[in-house]
């Protein structure tokens, strides 16, 4: 997967925004032709899902031209708007250019909390209207929700709403304190509440008719295996779907982020410059970046993450480690698990 920040401009001012995005405009964004060339170069060696994100991708005037070009090249094109600009006409246009799914964030089950989180009055109603427009257009949508102490008590209600609205999936994100979210460090869940929340999330997986995914919460994939072992289950795709074959932190391994000016990073939260698509081929960056190579060597991680028996399926959040310690290879600071073997075992 490639998350591509096609623009940093945004019509909201979310308190947790990794990019501290504002209305802009931001200078030096990739041109239409540069965007098309990037997509072409990606298809030379891979067929990833392309997540058109921002900022707010819909404020970019040529967004449908870019999306249509990616679809024409055979790429799976999806989009992450905030919902407030998704009118019935826009939703139909998304379908026409081949957008296969959109994600819209609901960071609370009530308008006051969501609007406070998003920094603009009416953001909640706008998101709900966008979801309805997508549903009417036959455009699959998922709900994303960033969990903090502010909305932790509403996660059950958010799940209920996602089911009632017909979402294809609910993805919960555990806050990574980067960008504007650095000012929210005191709103992060404690490591203990983090663990409890992921156990609760695991317990919902067979109770509702939609896919559930934990993002920026790599511990979930350790918990899944621990719970499966306790329940006498085999972790395979028949029982656990994609959760059986994916891993926790994907940054630099099967996922990367491309900024509005072409900078390639392991993910949007881990701001390490791994190269720029304006200066070199994306394939070369992906295959040869020293940062990516280090991230792929999980045995080289430091602290308990380097010898944990779950390191290949979890990996710890590299962005959270970097944000808190300044070292992206350091052990995950919000993990309460103690490996069963020591570093020399």
C-alpha atoms as a PDB file:
ATOM      1  CA  UNK A   1       0.000   0.000   0.000  1.00  0.00           C
ATOM      2  CA  UNK A   2       1.053   3.552  -0.710  1.00  0.00           C
ATOM      3  CA  UNK A   3      -0.562   6.410   1.200  1.00  0.00           C
ATOM      4  CA  UNK A   4      -0.120   9.427  -1.032  1.00  0.00           C
ATOM      5  CA  UNK A   5      -0.610  12.916   0.338  1.00  0.00           C
ATOM      6  CA  UNK A   6      -1.752  14.458  -2.939  1.00  0.00           C
ATOM      7  CA  UNK A   7      -2.169  17.797  -1.158  1.00  0.00           C
ATOM      8  CA  UNK A   8      -1.544  19.122   2.329  1.00  0.00           C
ATOM      9  CA  UNK A   9      -4.330  21.705   2.071  1.00  0.00           C
ATOM     10  CA  UNK A  10      -7.383  20.926   4.175  1.00  0.00           C
ATOM     11  CA  UNK A  11     -10.721  22.492   5.054  1.00  0.00           C
ATOM     12  CA  UNK A  12     -10.518  21.228   8.650  1.00  0.00           C
ATOM     13  CA  UNK A  13      -8.004  21.767  11.465  1.00  0.00           C
ATOM     14  CA  UNK A  14      -7.938  18.460  13.334  1.00  0.00           C
ATOM     15  CA  UNK A  15      -6.231  18.473  16.712  1.00  0.00           C
ATOM     16  CA  UNK A  16      -4.462  15.171  15.981  1.00  0.00           C
ATOM     17  CA  UNK A  17      -3.304  15.946  12.418  1.00  0.00           C
ATOM     18  CA  UNK A  18       0.127  14.439  11.720  1.00  0.00           C
ATOM     19  CA  UNK A  19       0.729  17.154   9.077  1.00  0.00           C
ATOM     20  CA  UNK A  20      -0.665  20.114  11.049  1.00  0.00           C
ATOM     21  CA  UNK A  21      -2.590  20.740   7.818  1.00  0.00           C
ATOM     22  CA  UNK A  22      -4.345  24.046   7.154  1.00  0.00           C
ATOM     23  CA  UNK A  23      -6.176  25.553   4.204  1.00  0.00           C
ATOM     24  CA  UNK A  24      -2.956  26.372   2.378  1.00  0.00           C
ATOM     25  CA  UNK A  25      -2.137  26.610  -0.430  1.00  0.00           C
ATOM     26  CA  UNK A  26       1.135  24.754   0.064  1.00  0.00           C
ATOM     27  CA  UNK A  27       3.871  25.492  -2.462  1.00  0.00           C
ATOM     28  CA  UNK A  28       5.705  23.000  -4.674  1.00  0.00           C
ATOM     29  CA  UNK A  29       3.104  20.231  -4.681  1.00  0.00           C
ATOM     30  CA  UNK A  30       3.496  17.609  -7.393  1.00  0.00           C
ATOM     31  CA  UNK A  31       1.936  18.726 -10.677  1.00  0.00           C
ATOM     32  CA  UNK A  32      -0.696  16.729 -12.535  1.00  0.00           C
ATOM     33  CA  UNK A  33       1.900  15.352 -14.937  1.00  0.00           C
ATOM     34  CA  UNK A  34       4.282  14.493 -12.095  1.00  0.00           C
ATOM     35  CA  UNK A  35       1.455  12.621 -10.377  1.00  0.00           C
ATOM     36  CA  UNK A  36       0.674  10.634 -13.497  1.00  0.00           C
ATOM     37  CA  UNK A  37       4.334   9.832 -14.045  1.00  0.00           C
ATOM     38  CA  UNK A  38       4.669   8.625 -10.451  1.00  0.00           C
ATOM     39  CA  UNK A  39       1.763   6.228 -10.890  1.00  0.00           C
ATOM     40  CA  UNK A  40       3.263   4.941 -14.120  1.00  0.00           C
ATOM     41  CA  UNK A  41       6.627   4.330 -12.440  1.00  0.00           C
ATOM     42  CA  UNK A  42       4.980   2.459  -9.594  1.00  0.00           C
ATOM     43  CA  UNK A  43       3.313   0.031 -12.016  1.00  0.00           C
ATOM     44  CA  UNK A  44       6.692  -0.827 -13.545  1.00  0.00           C
ATOM     45  CA  UNK A  45       7.359  -3.198 -10.657  1.00  0.00           C
ATOM     46  CA  UNK A  46       4.299  -3.397  -8.393  1.00  0.00           C
ATOM     47  CA  UNK A  47       0.515  -3.155  -8.199  1.00  0.00           C
ATOM     48  CA  UNK A  48      -0.109  -1.640  -4.754  1.00  0.00           C
ATOM     49  CA  UNK A  49      -3.277  -0.110  -3.413  1.00  0.00           C
ATOM     50  CA  UNK A  50      -2.978   3.676  -3.729  1.00  0.00           C
ATOM     51  CA  UNK A  51      -4.587   5.637  -0.891  1.00  0.00           C
ATOM     52  CA  UNK A  52      -5.246   9.205  -2.043  1.00  0.00           C
ATOM     53  CA  UNK A  53      -5.060  11.213   1.150  1.00  0.00           C
ATOM     54  CA  UNK A  54      -4.126  14.665   2.405  1.00  0.00           C
ATOM     55  CA  UNK A  55      -4.807  17.146   3.903  1.00  0.00           C
ATOM     56  CA  UNK A  56      -8.120  16.791   2.143  1.00  0.00           C
ATOM     57  CA  UNK A  57      -7.684  15.148  -1.275  1.00  0.00           C
ATOM     58  CA  UNK A  58     -10.927  16.607  -2.625  1.00  0.00           C
ATOM     59  CA  UNK A  59      -9.603  20.176  -2.478  1.00  0.00           C
ATOM     60  CA  UNK A  60      -7.153  19.275  -5.241  1.00  0.00           C
ATOM     61  CA  UNK A  61      -8.716  20.343  -8.554  1.00  0.00           C
ATOM     62  CA  UNK A  62      -7.267  17.505 -10.625  1.00  0.00           C
ATOM     63  CA  UNK A  63      -7.947  14.721  -8.122  1.00  0.00           C
ATOM     64  CA  UNK A  64     -10.368  12.868 -10.397  1.00  0.00           C
ATOM     65  CA  UNK A  65      -7.953  13.040 -13.313  1.00  0.00           C
ATOM     66  CA  UNK A  66      -5.241  11.518 -11.118  1.00  0.00           C
ATOM     67  CA  UNK A  67      -7.583   8.829  -9.780  1.00  0.00           C
ATOM     68  CA  UNK A  68      -8.819   7.924 -13.270  1.00  0.00           C
ATOM     69  CA  UNK A  69      -5.233   7.609 -14.482  1.00  0.00           C
ATOM     70  CA  UNK A  70      -4.369   5.220 -11.660  1.00  0.00           C
ATOM     71  CA  UNK A  71      -7.466   3.131 -12.373  1.00  0.00           C
ATOM     72  CA  UNK A  72      -6.539   3.032 -16.070  1.00  0.00           C
ATOM     73  CA  UNK A  73      -3.127   1.649 -15.102  1.00  0.00           C
ATOM     74  CA  UNK A  74      -4.827  -1.155 -13.170  1.00  0.00           C
ATOM     75  CA  UNK A  75      -4.114   0.133  -9.687  1.00  0.00           C
ATOM     76  CA  UNK A  76      -6.592  -0.227  -6.844  1.00  0.00           C
ATOM     77  CA  UNK A  77      -7.435   3.403  -6.084  1.00  0.00           C
ATOM     78  CA  UNK A  78      -9.011   4.358  -2.761  1.00  0.00           C
ATOM     79  CA  UNK A  79      -9.428   7.717  -1.067  1.00  0.00           C
ATOM     80  CA  UNK A  80      -9.426   9.153   2.448  1.00  0.00           C
ATOM     81  CA  UNK A  81     -11.592  12.301   2.468  1.00  0.00           C
ATOM     82  CA  UNK A  82     -12.952  13.731   5.707  1.00  0.00           C
ATOM     83  CA  UNK A  83     -16.474  13.461   4.313  1.00  0.00           C
ATOM     84  CA  UNK A  84     -17.528  17.088   4.510  1.00  0.00           C
ATOM     85  CA  UNK A  85     -16.999  17.642   0.769  1.00  0.00           C
ATOM     86  CA  UNK A  86     -18.546  14.354  -0.375  1.00  0.00           C
ATOM     87  CA  UNK A  87     -21.797  15.402  -2.027  1.00  0.00           C
ATOM     88  CA  UNK A  88     -23.988  12.999  -4.039  1.00  0.00           C
ATOM     89  CA  UNK A  89     -22.399  14.365  -7.225  1.00  0.00           C
ATOM     90  CA  UNK A  90     -18.858  13.935  -5.863  1.00  0.00           C
ATOM     91  CA  UNK A  91     -19.642  10.373  -4.727  1.00  0.00           C
ATOM     92  CA  UNK A  92     -20.930   9.464  -8.190  1.00  0.00           C
ATOM     93  CA  UNK A  93     -17.827  10.999  -9.756  1.00  0.00           C
ATOM     94  CA  UNK A  94     -15.622   8.892  -7.463  1.00  0.00           C
ATOM     95  CA  UNK A  95     -17.353   5.763  -8.717  1.00  0.00           C
ATOM     96  CA  UNK A  96     -16.918   6.878 -12.334  1.00  0.00           C
ATOM     97  CA  UNK A  97     -13.132   7.313 -12.020  1.00  0.00           C
ATOM     98  CA  UNK A  98     -12.685   3.963 -10.305  1.00  0.00           C
ATOM     99  CA  UNK A  99     -12.356   4.810  -6.607  1.00  0.00           C
ATOM    100  CA  UNK A 100     -13.054   1.444  -4.996  1.00  0.00           C
ATOM    101  CA  UNK A 101     -13.473   2.535  -1.383  1.00  0.00           C
ATOM    102  CA  UNK A 102     -13.301   5.661   0.723  1.00  0.00           C
ATOM    103  CA  UNK A 103     -12.545   6.055   4.418  1.00  0.00           C
ATOM    104  CA  UNK A 104     -14.276   8.716   6.476  1.00  0.00           C
ATOM    105  CA  UNK A 105     -13.265   9.429  10.055  1.00  0.00           C
ATOM    106  CA  UNK A 106     -15.687   9.572  12.956  1.00  0.00           C
ATOM    107  CA  UNK A 107     -13.721  10.444  16.057  1.00  0.00           C
ATOM    108  CA  UNK A 108     -16.763  10.510  18.315  1.00  0.00           C
ATOM    109  CA  UNK A 109     -20.341   9.357  18.317  1.00  0.00           C
ATOM    110  CA  UNK A 110     -21.579  12.873  19.052  1.00  0.00           C
ATOM    111  CA  UNK A 111     -21.315  16.122  17.092  1.00  0.00           C
ATOM    112  CA  UNK A 112     -19.799  18.192  19.902  1.00  0.00           C
ATOM    113  CA  UNK A 113     -16.868  15.853  20.520  1.00  0.00           C
ATOM    114  CA  UNK A 114     -16.205  15.138  16.845  1.00  0.00           C
ATOM    115  CA  UNK A 115     -16.361  18.827  15.904  1.00  0.00           C
ATOM    116  CA  UNK A 116     -14.009  19.693  18.753  1.00  0.00           C
ATOM    117  CA  UNK A 117     -11.600  17.012  17.524  1.00  0.00           C
ATOM    118  CA  UNK A 118     -11.856  18.233  13.927  1.00  0.00           C
ATOM    119  CA  UNK A 119     -11.601  21.921  14.745  1.00  0.00           C
ATOM    120  CA  UNK A 120     -14.608  23.066  12.676  1.00  0.00           C
ATOM    121  CA  UNK A 121     -18.298  23.294  13.678  1.00  0.00           C
ATOM    122  CA  UNK A 122     -20.490  21.095  11.489  1.00  0.00           C
ATOM    123  CA  UNK A 123     -17.733  18.567  10.702  1.00  0.00           C
ATOM    124  CA  UNK A 124     -19.774  15.729  12.222  1.00  0.00           C
ATOM    125  CA  UNK A 125     -22.897  16.431  10.199  1.00  0.00           C
ATOM    126  CA  UNK A 126     -20.734  16.899   7.113  1.00  0.00           C
ATOM    127  CA  UNK A 127     -19.107  13.495   7.633  1.00  0.00           C
ATOM    128  CA  UNK A 128     -22.490  11.813   8.145  1.00  0.00           C
ATOM    129  CA  UNK A 129     -23.821  13.459   4.972  1.00  0.00           C
ATOM    130  CA  UNK A 130     -20.747  12.287   3.074  1.00  0.00           C
ATOM    131  CA  UNK A 131     -21.281   8.730   4.280  1.00  0.00           C
ATOM    132  CA  UNK A 132     -24.902   8.819   3.138  1.00  0.00           C
ATOM    133  CA  UNK A 133     -23.877  10.158  -0.269  1.00  0.00           C
ATOM    134  CA  UNK A 134     -21.317   7.362  -0.678  1.00  0.00           C
ATOM    135  CA  UNK A 135     -23.880   4.740   0.295  1.00  0.00           C
ATOM    136  CA  UNK A 136     -26.438   6.089  -2.179  1.00  0.00           C
ATOM    137  CA  UNK A 137     -23.822   6.051  -4.945  1.00  0.00           C
ATOM    138  CA  UNK A 138     -22.907   2.433  -4.221  1.00  0.00           C
ATOM    139  CA  UNK A 139     -19.416   3.457  -3.133  1.00  0.00           C
ATOM    140  CA  UNK A 140     -18.051   1.203  -0.354  1.00  0.00           C
ATOM    141  CA  UNK A 141     -16.876   3.132   2.692  1.00  0.00           C
ATOM    142  CA  UNK A 142     -15.115   2.403   5.939  1.00  0.00           C
ATOM    143  CA  UNK A 143     -15.073   4.323   9.197  1.00  0.00           C
ATOM    144  CA  UNK A 144     -11.742   5.337  10.730  1.00  0.00           C
ATOM    145  CA  UNK A 145     -11.537   6.445  14.334  1.00  0.00           C
ATOM    146  CA  UNK A 146      -8.527   7.721  16.276  1.00  0.00           C
ATOM    147  CA  UNK A 147      -8.858   6.561  19.870  1.00  0.00           C
ATOM    148  CA  UNK A 148      -7.719   8.834  22.697  1.00  0.00           C
ATOM    149  CA  UNK A 149      -8.801   9.482  26.264  1.00  0.00           C
ATOM    150  CA  UNK A 150     -11.215  12.046  24.843  1.00  0.00           C
ATOM    151  CA  UNK A 151     -13.356   9.505  22.995  1.00  0.00           C
ATOM    152  CA  UNK A 152     -12.336   6.187  24.552  1.00  0.00           C
ATOM    153  CA  UNK A 153     -15.721   5.907  26.232  1.00  0.00           C
ATOM    154  CA  UNK A 154     -17.494   6.215  22.860  1.00  0.00           C
ATOM    155  CA  UNK A 155     -15.752   3.459  20.928  1.00  0.00           C
ATOM    156  CA  UNK A 156     -18.633   0.999  21.423  1.00  0.00           C
ATOM    157  CA  UNK A 157     -21.098   3.564  20.106  1.00  0.00           C
ATOM    158  CA  UNK A 158     -18.861   4.341  17.113  1.00  0.00           C
ATOM    159  CA  UNK A 159     -18.813   0.633  16.284  1.00  0.00           C
ATOM    160  CA  UNK A 160     -22.596   0.480  16.558  1.00  0.00           C
ATOM    161  CA  UNK A 161     -22.938   3.482  14.231  1.00  0.00           C
ATOM    162  CA  UNK A 162     -20.544   1.940  11.690  1.00  0.00           C
ATOM    163  CA  UNK A 163     -22.672  -1.216  11.606  1.00  0.00           C
ATOM    164  CA  UNK A 164     -25.955   0.682  11.301  1.00  0.00           C
ATOM    165  CA  UNK A 165     -24.648   2.877   8.482  1.00  0.00           C
ATOM    166  CA  UNK A 166     -23.482  -0.141   6.487  1.00  0.00           C
ATOM    167  CA  UNK A 167     -19.731   0.439   6.636  1.00  0.00           C
ATOM    168  CA  UNK A 168     -17.504  -2.183   5.042  1.00  0.00           C
ATOM    169  CA  UNK A 169     -15.031  -1.852   7.901  1.00  0.00           C
ATOM    170  CA  UNK A 170     -14.090  -0.042  11.081  1.00  0.00           C
ATOM    171  CA  UNK A 171     -10.416   0.812  11.512  1.00  0.00           C
ATOM    172  CA  UNK A 172      -9.328   2.111  14.898  1.00  0.00           C
ATOM    173  CA  UNK A 173      -6.119   4.133  15.109  1.00  0.00           C
ATOM    174  CA  UNK A 174      -4.169   4.547  18.317  1.00  0.00           C
ATOM    175  CA  UNK A 175      -2.818   8.084  18.546  1.00  0.00           C
ATOM    176  CA  UNK A 176       0.765   8.686  17.409  1.00  0.00           C
ATOM    177  CA  UNK A 177       2.016  12.000  18.909  1.00  0.00           C
ATOM    178  CA  UNK A 178       3.388  13.665  15.788  1.00  0.00           C
ATOM    179  CA  UNK A 179       2.495  16.938  14.076  1.00  0.00           C
ATOM    180  CA  UNK A 180      -0.331  18.734  15.825  1.00  0.00           C
ATOM    181  CA  UNK A 181      -0.908  15.604  17.930  1.00  0.00           C
ATOM    182  CA  UNK A 182       2.289  16.370  19.875  1.00  0.00           C
ATOM    183  CA  UNK A 183       0.102  18.708  21.896  1.00  0.00           C
ATOM    184  CA  UNK A 184      -2.158  15.743  22.765  1.00  0.00           C
ATOM    185  CA  UNK A 185       0.415  13.542  24.483  1.00  0.00           C
ATOM    186  CA  UNK A 186      -1.554  13.758  27.711  1.00  0.00           C
ATOM    187  CA  UNK A 187      -4.590  12.382  25.840  1.00  0.00           C
ATOM    188  CA  UNK A 188      -2.931   9.138  24.754  1.00  0.00           C
ATOM    189  CA  UNK A 189      -4.290   5.984  26.318  1.00  0.00           C
ATOM    190  CA  UNK A 190      -2.054   4.531  28.997  1.00  0.00           C
ATOM    191  CA  UNK A 191      -0.210   1.358  27.966  1.00  0.00           C
ATOM    192  CA  UNK A 192      -2.579  -0.634  30.197  1.00  0.00           C
ATOM    193  CA  UNK A 193      -5.719   0.908  28.637  1.00  0.00           C
ATOM    194  CA  UNK A 194      -4.154   0.445  25.215  1.00  0.00           C
ATOM    195  CA  UNK A 195      -3.847  -3.297  25.952  1.00  0.00           C
ATOM    196  CA  UNK A 196      -7.393  -3.548  27.313  1.00  0.00           C
ATOM    197  CA  UNK A 197      -8.818  -1.743  24.275  1.00  0.00           C
ATOM    198  CA  UNK A 198      -7.114  -4.113  21.851  1.00  0.00           C
ATOM    199  CA  UNK A 199      -8.360  -7.146  23.792  1.00  0.00           C
ATOM    200  CA  UNK A 200     -11.879  -5.699  23.618  1.00  0.00           C
ATOM    201  CA  UNK A 201     -11.459  -5.079  19.894  1.00  0.00           C
ATOM    202  CA  UNK A 202     -10.417  -8.700  19.362  1.00  0.00           C
ATOM    203  CA  UNK A 203     -13.567  -9.870  21.138  1.00  0.00           C
ATOM    204  CA  UNK A 204     -15.791  -7.958  18.670  1.00  0.00           C
ATOM    205  CA  UNK A 205     -14.420  -9.583  15.526  1.00  0.00           C
ATOM    206  CA  UNK A 206     -17.092 -12.306  15.154  1.00  0.00           C
ATOM    207  CA  UNK A 207     -19.962 -10.270  16.546  1.00  0.00           C
ATOM    208  CA  UNK A 208     -20.541  -7.809  13.728  1.00  0.00           C
ATOM    209  CA  UNK A 209     -20.923  -8.008   9.921  1.00  0.00           C
ATOM    210  CA  UNK A 210     -17.991  -5.756   9.020  1.00  0.00           C
ATOM    211  CA  UNK A 211     -14.215  -5.998   8.952  1.00  0.00           C
ATOM    212  CA  UNK A 212     -12.343  -4.727  12.010  1.00  0.00           C
ATOM    213  CA  UNK A 213      -8.751  -3.572  11.800  1.00  0.00           C
ATOM    214  CA  UNK A 214      -6.404  -2.024  14.344  1.00  0.00           C
ATOM    215  CA  UNK A 215      -3.963   0.491  12.822  1.00  0.00           C
ATOM    216  CA  UNK A 216      -0.913   2.062  14.478  1.00  0.00           C
ATOM    217  CA  UNK A 217      -1.602  -0.596  17.106  1.00  0.00           C
ATOM    218  CA  UNK A 218       0.786  -3.416  16.202  1.00  0.00           C
ATOM    219  CA  UNK A 219       0.328  -5.110  19.586  1.00  0.00           C
ATOM    220  CA  UNK A 220      -3.036  -6.296  18.256  1.00  0.00           C
ATOM    221  CA  UNK A 221      -1.340  -8.966  16.155  1.00  0.00           C
ATOM    222  CA  UNK A 222       0.437 -10.318  19.222  1.00  0.00           C
ATOM    223  CA  UNK A 223      -2.827 -10.267  21.171  1.00  0.00           C
ATOM    224  CA  UNK A 224      -4.647 -12.052  18.339  1.00  0.00           C
ATOM    225  CA  UNK A 225      -2.170 -14.924  18.490  1.00  0.00           C
ATOM    226  CA  UNK A 226      -2.202 -15.064  22.268  1.00  0.00           C
ATOM    227  CA  UNK A 227      -6.004 -15.209  22.338  1.00  0.00           C
ATOM    228  CA  UNK A 228      -6.141 -17.753  19.517  1.00  0.00           C
ATOM    229  CA  UNK A 229      -3.740 -20.001  21.434  1.00  0.00           C
ATOM    230  CA  UNK A 230      -5.876 -19.703  24.573  1.00  0.00           C
ATOM    231  CA  UNK A 231      -8.990 -20.576  22.557  1.00  0.00           C
ATOM    232  CA  UNK A 232      -7.315 -23.499  20.784  1.00  0.00           C
ATOM    233  CA  UNK A 233      -7.630 -21.890  17.360  1.00  0.00           C
ATOM    234  CA  UNK A 234      -5.236 -21.980  14.444  1.00  0.00           C
ATOM    235  CA  UNK A 235      -4.351 -18.565  13.019  1.00  0.00           C
ATOM    236  CA  UNK A 236      -5.168 -18.982   9.330  1.00  0.00           C
ATOM    237  CA  UNK A 237      -7.042 -16.991   6.716  1.00  0.00           C
ATOM    238  CA  UNK A 238     -10.144 -19.156   7.063  1.00  0.00           C
ATOM    239  CA  UNK A 239     -10.523 -18.198  10.713  1.00  0.00           C
ATOM    240  CA  UNK A 240      -8.931 -14.733  10.781  1.00  0.00           C
ATOM    241  CA  UNK A 241      -8.964 -13.406   7.215  1.00  0.00           C
ATOM    242  CA  UNK A 242      -6.233 -10.921   6.335  1.00  0.00           C
ATOM    243  CA  UNK A 243      -5.285 -10.548  10.006  1.00  0.00           C
ATOM    244  CA  UNK A 244      -3.644 -13.968   9.719  1.00  0.00           C
ATOM    245  CA  UNK A 245      -1.190 -12.884   7.029  1.00  0.00           C
ATOM    246  CA  UNK A 246      -0.536  -9.226   7.745  1.00  0.00           C
ATOM    247  CA  UNK A 247       1.580  -7.784  10.549  1.00  0.00           C
ATOM    248  CA  UNK A 248       1.504  -4.846  12.917  1.00  0.00           C
ATOM    249  CA  UNK A 249       3.807  -2.040  11.797  1.00  0.00           C
ATOM    250  CA  UNK A 250       3.949  -2.111   7.987  1.00  0.00           C
ATOM    251  CA  UNK A 251       6.070   1.017   7.509  1.00  0.00           C
ATOM    252  CA  UNK A 252       8.844   0.396   5.002  1.00  0.00           C
ATOM    253  CA  UNK A 253       7.876  -3.278   4.727  1.00  0.00           C
ATOM    254  CA  UNK A 254       4.648  -3.405   2.724  1.00  0.00           C
ATOM    255  CA  UNK A 255       3.568   0.223   3.143  1.00  0.00           C
ATOM    256  CA  UNK A 256       5.018   3.664   2.586  1.00  0.00           C
ATOM    257  CA  UNK A 257       3.948   7.287   2.444  1.00  0.00           C
ATOM    258  CA  UNK A 258       4.600   9.884  -0.258  1.00  0.00           C
ATOM    259  CA  UNK A 259       4.261  13.538   0.737  1.00  0.00           C
ATOM    260  CA  UNK A 260       2.722  16.397  -1.232  1.00  0.00           C
ATOM    261  CA  UNK A 261       6.196  17.386  -2.440  1.00  0.00           C
ATOM    262  CA  UNK A 262       7.293  13.859  -3.334  1.00  0.00           C
ATOM    263  CA  UNK A 263       9.220  12.862  -0.199  1.00  0.00           C
ATOM    264  CA  UNK A 264       9.022   9.142   0.560  1.00  0.00           C
ATOM    265  CA  UNK A 265       8.674   8.047   4.204  1.00  0.00           C
ATOM    266  CA  UNK A 266       7.987   4.706   5.915  1.00  0.00           C
ATOM    267  CA  UNK A 267       4.614   6.097   6.994  1.00  0.00           C
ATOM    268  CA  UNK A 268       2.949   9.453   7.475  1.00  0.00           C
ATOM    269  CA  UNK A 269       3.796   9.506  11.155  1.00  0.00           C
ATOM    270  CA  UNK A 270       7.466   8.560  10.750  1.00  0.00           C
ATOM    271  CA  UNK A 271       9.013  11.590   9.084  1.00  0.00           C
ATOM    272  CA  UNK A 272      12.277  10.109   7.859  1.00  0.00           C
ATOM    273  CA  UNK A 273      13.408  11.235   4.406  1.00  0.00           C
ATOM    274  CA  UNK A 274      14.007   8.077   2.378  1.00  0.00           C
ATOM    275  CA  UNK A 275      14.241   9.825  -0.992  1.00  0.00           C
ATOM    276  CA  UNK A 276      12.161  11.967  -3.332  1.00  0.00           C
ATOM    277  CA  UNK A 277      10.287  10.764  -6.399  1.00  0.00           C
ATOM    278  CA  UNK A 278      11.276  13.955  -8.193  1.00  0.00           C
ATOM    279  CA  UNK A 279      14.933  12.973  -8.006  1.00  0.00           C
ATOM    280  CA  UNK A 280      14.961   9.199  -8.344  1.00  0.00           C
ATOM    281  CA  UNK A 281      12.756   6.292  -9.349  1.00  0.00           C
ATOM    282  CA  UNK A 282      10.286   5.148  -6.732  1.00  0.00           C
ATOM    283  CA  UNK A 283      11.390   1.542  -7.236  1.00  0.00           C
ATOM    284  CA  UNK A 284      14.962   2.418  -6.323  1.00  0.00           C
ATOM    285  CA  UNK A 285      13.840   4.238  -3.163  1.00  0.00           C
ATOM    286  CA  UNK A 286      11.623   1.321  -2.141  1.00  0.00           C
ATOM    287  CA  UNK A 287      14.285  -1.309  -2.722  1.00  0.00           C
ATOM    288  CA  UNK A 288      17.451   0.516  -1.654  1.00  0.00           C
ATOM    289  CA  UNK A 289      16.575   3.060   1.044  1.00  0.00           C
ATOM    290  CA  UNK A 290      18.817   2.383   4.077  1.00  0.00           C
ATOM    291  CA  UNK A 291      15.906   3.245   6.383  1.00  0.00           C
ATOM    292  CA  UNK A 292      13.591   0.768   4.673  1.00  0.00           C
ATOM    293  CA  UNK A 293      16.263  -1.917   4.809  1.00  0.00           C
ATOM    294  CA  UNK A 294      16.734  -1.419   8.544  1.00  0.00           C
ATOM    295  CA  UNK A 295      12.976  -1.544   9.142  1.00  0.00           C
ATOM    296  CA  UNK A 296      12.812  -4.872   7.280  1.00  0.00           C
ATOM    297  CA  UNK A 297      15.426  -6.400   9.585  1.00  0.00           C
ATOM    298  CA  UNK A 298      13.265  -6.928  12.659  1.00  0.00           C
ATOM    299  CA  UNK A 299      16.073  -8.786  14.413  1.00  0.00           C
ATOM    300  CA  UNK A 300      17.937  -5.481  14.415  1.00  0.00           C
ATOM    301  CA  UNK A 301      15.299  -3.694  16.480  1.00  0.00           C
ATOM    302  CA  UNK A 302      16.496  -2.554  19.877  1.00  0.00           C
ATOM    303  CA  UNK A 303      15.315  -3.339  23.373  1.00  0.00           C
ATOM    304  CA  UNK A 304      12.766  -6.079  23.856  1.00  0.00           C
ATOM    305  CA  UNK A 305      11.359  -5.583  20.340  1.00  0.00           C
ATOM    306  CA  UNK A 306      14.574  -7.111  18.973  1.00  0.00           C
ATOM    307  CA  UNK A 307      14.122 -10.446  20.736  1.00  0.00           C
ATOM    308  CA  UNK A 308      10.371 -10.653  21.357  1.00  0.00           C
ATOM    309  CA  UNK A 309       8.897 -13.874  19.974  1.00  0.00           C
ATOM    310  CA  UNK A 310       6.162 -11.783  18.328  1.00  0.00           C
ATOM    311  CA  UNK A 311       8.540  -9.378  16.564  1.00  0.00           C
ATOM    312  CA  UNK A 312       7.738 -10.737  13.095  1.00  0.00           C
ATOM    313  CA  UNK A 313       3.979 -10.203  13.496  1.00  0.00           C
ATOM    314  CA  UNK A 314       4.035  -7.059  15.651  1.00  0.00           C
ATOM    315  CA  UNK A 315       7.220  -5.076  15.197  1.00  0.00           C
ATOM    316  CA  UNK A 316       6.109  -2.298  17.532  1.00  0.00           C
ATOM    317  CA  UNK A 317       5.067   1.135  16.258  1.00  0.00           C
ATOM    318  CA  UNK A 318       8.259   2.559  14.774  1.00  0.00           C
ATOM    319  CA  UNK A 319       6.727   6.048  14.584  1.00  0.00           C
ATOM    320  CA  UNK A 320       5.766   6.034  18.259  1.00  0.00           C
ATOM    321  CA  UNK A 321       9.244   4.831  19.191  1.00  0.00           C
ATOM    322  CA  UNK A 322      10.781   7.631  17.127  1.00  0.00           C
ATOM    323  CA  UNK A 323       8.435  10.289  18.483  1.00  0.00           C
ATOM    324  CA  UNK A 324       9.164   9.422  22.100  1.00  0.00           C
ATOM    325  CA  UNK A 325      12.828   8.334  21.980  1.00  0.00           C
ATOM    326  CA  UNK A 326      14.214   9.856  18.771  1.00  0.00           C
ATOM    327  CA  UNK A 327      15.224   6.358  17.626  1.00  0.00           C
ATOM    328  CA  UNK A 328      12.967   4.566  15.157  1.00  0.00           C
ATOM    329  CA  UNK A 329      14.555   1.202  15.987  1.00  0.00           C
ATOM    330  CA  UNK A 330      13.939   1.545  19.740  1.00  0.00           C
ATOM    331  CA  UNK A 331      11.489  -0.709  21.547  1.00  0.00           C
ATOM    332  CA  UNK A 332       7.829   0.219  21.402  1.00  0.00           C
ATOM    333  CA  UNK A 333       7.317   2.453  24.450  1.00  0.00           C
ATOM    334  CA  UNK A 334       3.621   1.600  24.885  1.00  0.00           C
ATOM    335  CA  UNK A 335       3.905  -2.189  25.032  1.00  0.00           C
ATOM    336  CA  UNK A 336       3.324  -3.908  28.375  1.00  0.00           C
ATOM    337  CA  UNK A 337       4.272  -7.372  27.148  1.00  0.00           C
ATOM    338  CA  UNK A 338       7.459  -8.983  28.432  1.00  0.00           C
ATOM    339  CA  UNK A 339       8.980 -11.521  26.034  1.00  0.00           C
ATOM    340  CA  UNK A 340       9.314 -15.057  27.372  1.00  0.00           C
ATOM    341  CA  UNK A 341      12.967 -15.230  26.332  1.00  0.00           C
ATOM    342  CA  UNK A 342      15.752 -12.814  27.156  1.00  0.00           C
ATOM    343  CA  UNK A 343      17.999 -11.048  24.630  1.00  0.00           C
ATOM    344  CA  UNK A 344      20.579 -13.819  24.609  1.00  0.00           C
ATOM    345  CA  UNK A 345      18.117 -16.720  24.345  1.00  0.00           C
END
